[in-house]
Amino acid sequence: QVQLVESGGGLVQAGDSLRLSCSASARTISGYDMGWFRQAPGKEREFVAAIHWTGRRTYYADSVEGRFTMSRDDAKNLVSLQMNSLKPEDTAVYYCAADQSRWRMVHTDLLSIRNKDWGRGTQVTVSS
C-alpha cells in the first residue's frame, strides 16, 4: 500500500554530498505538498524540508538551511533532496512524505508529521 519509495541513501563522510530521491510512480504527487523528514535512532521524526504543491515555496529546518535543497518534478512524480556538506548529526533514516490533502490553499501541516502518507525511508549515515 506504500506508494512513495525513497532511494539514494548511503554511507558517506562528513562534508560529502548525497542526493535522495522519492519516487511516486504508483500515485501522483501533483497537487500535494511534499516533504522530507528524518528520524535518528531513539529520537522523534523531525522535519527537514518541504515544498508547496505549486513548487513556488520551499522550507527548511534550521539545521539544514543552506546545505539541503528540495525540488520536485511533478511530471515525473519525483521529489529530490540534494544534501551537501553533510554532518554526522544528519545521520538518520530519511522519509519522503506527501500531505494527505490535495490542492491545499492553506498549508497547515506543511512542516508537521501530521496527516502524511509516508515512504519506508532510506538510511543516511555520515561518518566523522
Protein backbone atom coordinates (compact mmCIF):
# COMPACT_ATOMS: atom_id res chain seq x y z
CA GLN A 1 0.00 0.00 0.00
CA VAL A 2 3.06 2.25 0.29
CA GLN A 3 3.15 4.49 -2.74
CA LEU A 4 6.30 6.51 -2.02
CA VAL A 5 9.74 4.95 -2.33
CA GLU A 6 12.94 6.67 -1.23
CA SER A 7 16.35 5.93 -2.64
CA GLY A 8 19.84 7.38 -2.69
CA GLY A 9 20.89 6.91 0.90
CA GLY A 10 24.22 5.51 1.89
CA LEU A 11 27.36 5.86 3.94
CA VAL A 12 29.41 8.99 3.38
CA GLN A 13 32.00 11.05 5.18
CA ALA A 14 31.41 14.42 6.74
CA GLY A 15 31.47 17.11 4.09
CA ASP A 16 30.25 14.81 1.34
CA SER A 17 27.03 15.09 -0.62
CA LEU A 18 24.10 12.82 -1.30
CA ARG A 19 21.01 13.18 -3.40
CA LEU A 20 17.89 11.44 -2.19
CA SER A 21 15.00 10.66 -4.48
CA CYS A 22 11.39 9.89 -3.76
CA SER A 23 9.57 8.05 -6.48
CA ALA A 24 5.81 8.12 -6.58
CA SER A 25 5.09 6.07 -9.66
CA ALA A 26 2.10 4.41 -8.01
CA ARG A 27 0.45 7.72 -7.24
CA THR A 28 0.57 11.27 -8.47
CA ILE A 29 2.27 13.96 -6.41
CA SER A 30 0.66 16.71 -8.41
CA GLY A 31 -1.34 18.90 -6.08
CA TYR A 32 0.26 17.62 -2.88
CA ASP A 33 2.59 19.42 -0.56
CA MET A 34 5.65 17.21 -0.22
CA GLY A 35 8.24 16.90 2.48
CA TRP A 36 11.34 15.20 3.74
CA PHE A 37 11.59 14.12 7.34
CA ARG A 38 14.21 12.19 9.20
CA GLN A 39 14.43 10.05 12.26
CA ALA A 40 17.55 9.08 14.15
CA PRO A 41 17.60 6.07 16.49
CA GLY A 42 15.81 6.83 19.73
CA LYS A 43 14.58 10.19 18.51
CA GLU A 44 11.36 11.57 17.15
CA ARG A 45 10.77 12.05 13.47
CA GLU A 46 11.63 15.63 12.56
CA PHE A 47 11.03 18.00 9.72
CA VAL A 48 13.82 18.52 7.21
CA ALA A 49 12.37 20.20 4.13
CA ALA A 50 9.06 20.80 2.42
CA ILE A 51 7.77 22.20 -0.82
CA HIS A 52 4.39 23.54 -1.81
CA TRP A 53 2.42 21.67 -4.39
CA THR A 54 2.79 24.79 -6.50
CA GLY A 55 6.56 24.45 -6.36
CA ARG A 56 6.78 28.12 -5.55
CA ARG A 57 7.95 27.86 -1.96
CA THR A 58 10.34 25.66 -0.09
CA TYR A 59 11.06 25.46 3.61
CA TYR A 60 13.96 24.04 5.53
CA ALA A 61 14.76 23.18 9.08
CA ASP A 62 17.32 25.49 10.62
CA SER A 63 19.70 22.59 10.94
CA VAL A 64 19.87 22.06 7.17
CA GLU A 65 19.25 25.56 5.83
CA GLY A 66 21.88 26.45 3.27
CA ARG A 67 23.05 22.86 2.91
CA PHE A 68 20.00 20.99 1.62
CA THR A 69 17.86 21.77 -1.40
CA MET A 70 14.49 20.22 -2.10
CA SER A 71 12.94 20.06 -5.54
CA ARG A 72 10.05 18.39 -7.31
CA ASP A 73 9.23 17.25 -10.79
CA ASP A 74 5.55 16.53 -10.90
CA ALA A 75 5.66 15.31 -14.50
CA LYS A 76 7.95 12.51 -13.33
CA ASN A 77 6.28 12.07 -9.94
CA LEU A 78 9.66 12.66 -8.37
CA VAL A 79 10.86 14.57 -5.34
CA SER A 80 14.52 15.10 -4.56
CA LEU A 81 16.65 16.26 -1.69
CA GLN A 82 20.15 17.41 -2.50
CA MET A 83 22.24 17.23 0.65
CA ASN A 84 25.58 18.98 0.72
CA SER A 85 28.16 19.45 3.43
CA LEU A 86 26.78 16.53 5.35
CA LYS A 87 27.42 16.31 9.06
CA PRO A 88 27.39 13.32 11.40
CA GLU A 89 24.25 14.74 13.00
CA ASP A 90 22.49 14.31 9.67
CA THR A 91 22.64 10.57 10.20
CA ALA A 92 19.09 9.24 10.17
CA VAL A 93 16.51 7.41 8.16
CA TYR A 94 15.08 9.90 5.70
CA TYR A 95 11.42 9.66 4.84
CA CYS A 96 9.54 11.14 1.95
CA ALA A 97 6.07 12.37 2.81
CA ALA A 98 3.03 13.51 0.93
CA ASP A 99 0.37 15.60 2.54
CA GLN A 100 -2.94 13.78 2.67
CA SER A 101 -4.84 16.77 1.32
CA ARG A 102 -4.65 17.83 -2.29
CA TRP A 103 -4.65 21.31 -3.79
CA ARG A 104 -4.32 22.98 -0.42
CA MET A 105 -4.98 26.67 -0.15
CA VAL A 106 -3.78 26.69 3.45
CA HIS A 107 -0.62 24.71 4.10
CA THR A 108 -1.46 23.87 7.67
CA ASP A 109 0.60 20.70 8.00
CA LEU A 110 3.46 21.51 5.67
CA LEU A 111 6.16 21.21 8.32
CA SER A 112 4.34 18.73 10.51
CA ILE A 113 4.38 14.96 10.71
CA ARG A 114 0.61 15.09 10.95
CA ASN A 115 -1.63 13.94 8.14
CA LYS A 116 1.08 12.45 5.95
CA ASP A 117 1.49 9.47 3.71
CA TRP A 118 4.96 8.05 4.18
CA GLY A 119 7.56 6.15 2.28
CA ARG A 120 9.55 3.45 4.03
CA GLY A 121 12.69 5.53 4.31
CA THR A 122 16.30 5.40 3.21
CA GLN A 123 19.27 5.30 5.56
CA VAL A 124 21.81 8.11 5.51
CA THR A 125 24.92 7.62 7.60
CA VAL A 126 27.57 10.31 7.86
CA SER A 127 30.86 9.42 9.47
CA SER A 128 33.13 11.97 11.08
